[in-house]
Amino acid sequence: MKNLIIAPAGDNSLFKQWMKKSPNFDLVLLYYDDNIDIATSYTSYTPYVYTSKGEKYHLLKLFIQNNIDFILNYEYIWLPDDDVSINTESINKLFNLAKEHNLILTQPSMDGYVSHEITKPISGSLLRYTNFVEVLAPLFSLPTLLKVYNTFDINYSSWGYDYLWPHLLNYPQDKIAIIDDIIMTHTRPVGQNYSRFPRLPWDEMNDLLYSYNIIKQEINYSQIWKK
């Protein structure tokens, strides 16, 4: 099984934590800051470092489109923000559990700065099947990524993608999950500055839901797998 992480990376990216011990994945970094020396230093961690400017999911779509033959080499692809704190062993386990449970869309549970209560870990749970995976750090199976990546630039903020992807996947009962046994820490506050967006994120989300005829249903989970 070949696994891949594609992540934005600024000067203060936490990706170095991800690479400390025997990763079972390859790493692509999309460097978005302005210090070429730092960008060059990142090549000591991975040969796949690209300088890019723009919003996270716009950059991801462009990279996937331009490197589709490369992407096709991988079975699972994780797209975390670069302010996610998590160690190599946990990432390795994330990929392994996704494969073991045949998940098509998943994420670790999360502490730190949390936007959605459902993403917080539940004690004693291995994973929960759910109808929601946050845009902050989704893990896709390759067929799922190929099915949804064209949606990555339908707005600027990426608000609403969390509702769109399960909709496009027809809400499978046992293929989307939050993995409680793996916890990532979101280290930066959310919702600090929306001035870079041409429209307010909640307006973008409402337009997205309307365009796809999505009724914003309650975020929930249907089953807990105990440890």
Protein backbone atom coordinates (compact mmCIF):
# COMPACT_ATOMS: atom_id res chain seq x y z
CA MET A 1 0.00 0.00 0.00
CA LYS A 2 1.38 3.39 -1.01
CA ASN A 3 0.26 6.42 0.96
CA LEU A 4 0.71 10.12 0.29
CA ILE A 5 0.39 13.39 2.17
CA ILE A 6 -0.05 16.62 0.20
CA ALA A 7 0.08 19.68 2.44
CA PRO A 8 0.54 23.42 2.25
CA ALA A 9 3.70 24.47 4.06
CA GLY A 10 4.66 27.90 5.31
CA ASP A 11 7.72 29.00 7.23
CA ASN A 12 6.20 27.75 10.51
CA SER A 13 4.79 24.48 9.20
CA LEU A 14 4.65 21.58 11.66
CA PHE A 15 5.27 18.92 9.00
CA LYS A 16 8.69 18.07 10.48
CA GLN A 17 6.86 16.34 13.35
CA TRP A 18 5.21 14.08 10.81
CA MET A 19 8.51 12.78 9.43
CA LYS A 20 10.57 11.86 12.50
CA LYS A 21 10.28 8.05 12.50
CA SER A 22 9.91 5.64 9.59
CA PRO A 23 6.93 7.10 7.75
CA ASN A 24 4.82 4.71 5.67
CA PHE A 25 3.95 7.57 3.30
CA ASP A 26 5.45 10.02 0.86
CA LEU A 27 5.12 13.76 1.39
CA VAL A 28 4.43 16.60 -1.06
CA LEU A 29 4.78 20.15 0.26
CA LEU A 30 3.22 23.17 -1.44
CA TYR A 31 5.33 26.02 -0.05
CA TYR A 32 3.32 29.25 0.12
CA ASP A 33 5.61 31.72 1.94
CA ASP A 34 8.41 33.84 0.46
CA ASN A 35 11.73 32.58 1.87
CA ILE A 36 13.40 30.49 -0.82
CA ASP A 37 16.07 29.33 1.64
CA ILE A 38 13.42 27.80 3.87
CA ALA A 39 11.72 26.20 0.89
CA THR A 40 15.06 24.72 -0.15
CA SER A 41 15.69 23.41 3.37
CA TYR A 42 12.43 21.46 3.19
CA THR A 43 13.92 19.27 0.47
CA SER A 44 15.97 17.54 3.18
CA TYR A 45 12.65 16.02 4.34
CA THR A 46 11.09 15.29 0.96
CA PRO A 47 12.12 15.71 -2.68
CA TYR A 48 8.61 16.91 -3.51
CA VAL A 49 8.61 20.62 -2.64
CA TYR A 50 6.79 23.08 -4.89
CA THR A 51 6.39 26.83 -4.50
CA SER A 52 2.77 27.88 -4.78
CA LYS A 53 0.48 30.80 -3.97
CA GLY A 54 -3.24 30.68 -3.33
CA GLU A 55 -5.87 29.03 -1.19
CA LYS A 56 -5.23 25.52 0.10
CA TYR A 57 -7.76 23.62 -1.97
CA HIS A 58 -7.09 25.63 -5.12
CA LEU A 59 -3.42 24.65 -4.83
CA LEU A 60 -4.34 21.03 -4.18
CA LYS A 61 -6.57 20.82 -7.23
CA LEU A 62 -3.92 22.37 -9.45
CA PHE A 63 -1.26 19.97 -8.16
CA ILE A 64 -3.49 16.93 -8.66
CA GLN A 65 -4.45 18.01 -12.18
CA ASN A 66 -0.84 18.63 -13.17
CA ASN A 67 0.49 15.44 -11.57
CA ILE A 68 -2.30 12.95 -12.07
CA ASP A 69 0.03 10.11 -13.09
CA PHE A 70 1.96 10.64 -9.85
CA ILE A 71 -1.25 10.62 -7.78
CA LEU A 72 -2.38 7.36 -9.36
CA ASN A 73 0.52 5.58 -7.66
CA TYR A 74 -1.11 5.97 -4.24
CA GLU A 75 -3.98 4.21 -2.48
CA TYR A 76 -4.69 6.82 0.20
CA ILE A 77 -4.01 10.56 0.19
CA TRP A 78 -4.15 12.80 3.29
CA LEU A 79 -4.60 16.58 2.94
CA PRO A 80 -3.86 18.18 6.34
CA ASP A 81 -3.33 21.84 7.17
CA ASP A 82 0.26 22.56 8.13
CA ASP A 83 -0.67 23.64 11.68
CA VAL A 84 -1.68 20.08 12.61
CA SER A 85 0.49 18.56 15.31
CA ILE A 86 0.72 14.76 15.05
CA ASN A 87 3.58 12.25 15.15
CA THR A 88 4.72 9.77 12.54
CA GLU A 89 3.40 6.70 14.36
CA SER A 90 -0.09 8.18 14.50
CA ILE A 91 -0.06 9.06 10.81
CA ASN A 92 1.12 5.56 9.92
CA LYS A 93 -1.74 4.17 12.02
CA LEU A 94 -4.21 6.51 10.31
CA PHE A 95 -3.36 5.06 6.92
CA ASN A 96 -3.38 1.51 8.26
CA LEU A 97 -6.81 1.85 9.90
CA ALA A 98 -8.28 3.47 6.79
CA LYS A 99 -7.14 0.47 4.81
CA GLU A 100 -8.19 -2.09 7.43
CA HIS A 101 -11.74 -0.71 7.64
CA ASN A 102 -12.04 0.03 3.92
CA LEU A 103 -12.78 3.72 4.54
CA ILE A 104 -13.17 6.09 1.63
CA LEU A 105 -13.13 9.36 3.60
CA THR A 106 -11.83 9.80 7.13
CA GLN A 107 -9.83 11.92 9.56
CA PRO A 108 -8.23 11.67 12.99
CA SER A 109 -10.15 13.08 15.93
CA MET A 110 -8.94 16.48 17.07
CA ASP A 111 -8.15 18.58 20.12
CA GLY A 112 -6.72 22.08 20.45
CA TYR A 113 -8.62 24.67 18.43
CA VAL A 114 -11.72 22.74 17.38
CA SER A 115 -14.52 24.08 15.17
CA HIS A 116 -16.87 21.06 15.23
CA GLU A 117 -17.70 19.12 18.39
CA ILE A 118 -18.05 15.88 16.44
CA THR A 119 -14.32 15.88 15.69
CA LYS A 120 -13.35 15.74 19.38
CA PRO A 121 -12.18 12.28 20.51
CA ILE A 122 -14.52 9.91 22.35
CA SER A 123 -12.88 7.84 25.07
CA GLY A 124 -12.91 4.10 24.45
CA SER A 125 -13.80 4.48 20.78
CA LEU A 126 -11.62 3.23 17.95
CA LEU A 127 -13.63 5.01 15.25
CA ARG A 128 -17.11 6.31 14.47
CA TYR A 129 -18.96 6.12 11.18
CA THR A 130 -20.19 9.62 10.42
CA ASN A 131 -21.66 11.89 7.76
CA PHE A 132 -18.99 14.56 8.22
CA VAL A 133 -15.22 14.91 7.76
CA GLU A 134 -13.76 18.38 8.20
CA VAL A 135 -11.82 20.14 5.44
CA LEU A 136 -8.92 20.75 7.84
CA ALA A 137 -7.40 17.28 7.43
CA PRO A 138 -9.40 14.81 5.32
CA LEU A 139 -7.98 11.47 4.21
CA PHE A 140 -9.29 10.17 0.87
CA SER A 141 -9.08 6.83 -0.83
CA LEU A 142 -7.78 7.31 -4.35
CA PRO A 143 -11.17 6.67 -6.06
CA THR A 144 -12.82 9.16 -3.71
CA LEU A 145 -10.20 11.82 -4.35
CA LEU A 146 -10.57 11.38 -8.09
CA LYS A 147 -14.33 11.70 -7.73
CA VAL A 148 -14.35 14.92 -5.69
CA TYR A 149 -11.17 16.91 -6.37
CA ASN A 150 -12.86 18.93 -9.11
CA THR A 151 -14.88 20.55 -6.31
CA PHE A 152 -11.73 21.93 -4.66
CA ASP A 153 -12.03 25.37 -6.28
CA ILE A 154 -15.78 25.99 -6.37
CA ASN A 155 -15.30 28.66 -3.72
CA TYR A 156 -12.39 30.41 -1.98
CA SER A 157 -12.93 29.55 1.66
CA SER A 158 -13.67 25.79 1.26
CA TRP A 159 -16.64 26.26 3.60
CA GLY A 160 -19.31 23.70 2.80
CA TYR A 161 -17.01 21.06 1.33
CA ASP A 162 -17.55 19.04 4.53
CA TYR A 163 -21.23 18.73 3.57
CA LEU A 164 -20.66 18.40 -0.17
CA TRP A 165 -18.29 15.42 -0.20
CA PRO A 166 -20.53 12.97 1.74
CA HIS A 167 -23.43 14.13 -0.47
CA LEU A 168 -21.47 13.33 -3.63
CA LEU A 169 -20.59 9.94 -2.12
CA ASN A 170 -24.29 9.20 -1.42
CA TYR A 171 -23.81 9.04 2.36
CA PRO A 172 -22.42 5.51 2.67
CA GLN A 173 -23.22 3.91 6.03
CA ASP A 174 -19.83 2.45 6.89
CA LYS A 175 -17.22 4.15 4.68
CA ILE A 176 -16.83 7.62 6.24
CA ALA A 177 -15.40 7.86 9.75
CA ILE A 178 -13.68 9.87 12.44
CA ILE A 179 -10.88 7.82 14.02
CA ASP A 180 -10.90 8.45 17.78
CA ASP A 181 -7.88 6.26 18.46
CA ILE A 182 -5.75 8.84 16.64
CA ILE A 183 -5.74 12.43 17.91
CA MET A 184 -4.27 15.39 16.08
CA THR A 185 -3.90 18.80 17.69
CA HIS A 186 -4.98 21.89 15.79
CA THR A 187 -2.52 24.50 17.02
CA ARG A 188 -3.86 27.78 15.62
CA PRO A 189 -7.15 29.62 16.25
CA VAL A 190 -9.72 29.44 13.49
CA GLY A 191 -11.79 32.20 11.98
CA GLN A 192 -9.35 35.03 12.64
CA ASN A 193 -9.36 36.86 9.31
CA TYR A 194 -11.64 36.47 6.31
CA SER A 195 -10.53 39.64 4.56
CA ARG A 196 -8.53 37.70 1.96
CA PHE A 197 -11.74 36.15 0.60
CA PRO A 198 -13.80 38.02 -2.00
CA ARG A 199 -17.00 36.93 -0.21
CA LEU A 200 -17.87 35.95 3.34
CA PRO A 201 -17.32 32.20 3.90
CA TRP A 202 -20.83 31.54 5.22
CA ASP A 203 -22.29 33.14 2.09
CA GLU A 204 -20.09 30.90 -0.02
CA MET A 205 -21.25 27.86 1.95
CA ASN A 206 -24.92 28.74 1.57
CA ASP A 207 -24.47 29.18 -2.18
CA LEU A 208 -22.71 25.83 -2.40
CA LEU A 209 -25.48 24.03 -0.53
CA TYR A 210 -28.09 25.67 -2.73
CA SER A 211 -26.23 24.84 -5.95
CA TYR A 212 -26.04 21.14 -5.08
CA ASN A 213 -29.52 21.01 -3.53
CA ILE A 214 -28.08 19.90 -0.21
CA ILE A 215 -30.19 20.15 2.90
CA LYS A 216 -27.78 20.92 5.73
CA GLN A 217 -28.48 17.96 7.92
CA GLU A 218 -27.41 17.41 11.48
CA ILE A 219 -23.81 16.28 11.82
CA ASN A 220 -23.86 12.91 13.52
CA TYR A 221 -22.36 9.45 13.78
CA SER A 222 -24.10 6.13 13.45
CA GLN A 223 -21.88 3.56 15.14
CA ILE A 224 -18.88 3.37 17.45
CA TRP A 225 -16.21 0.72 17.06
CA LYS A 226 -14.82 0.06 20.54
CA LYS A 227 -11.11 -0.40 21.06
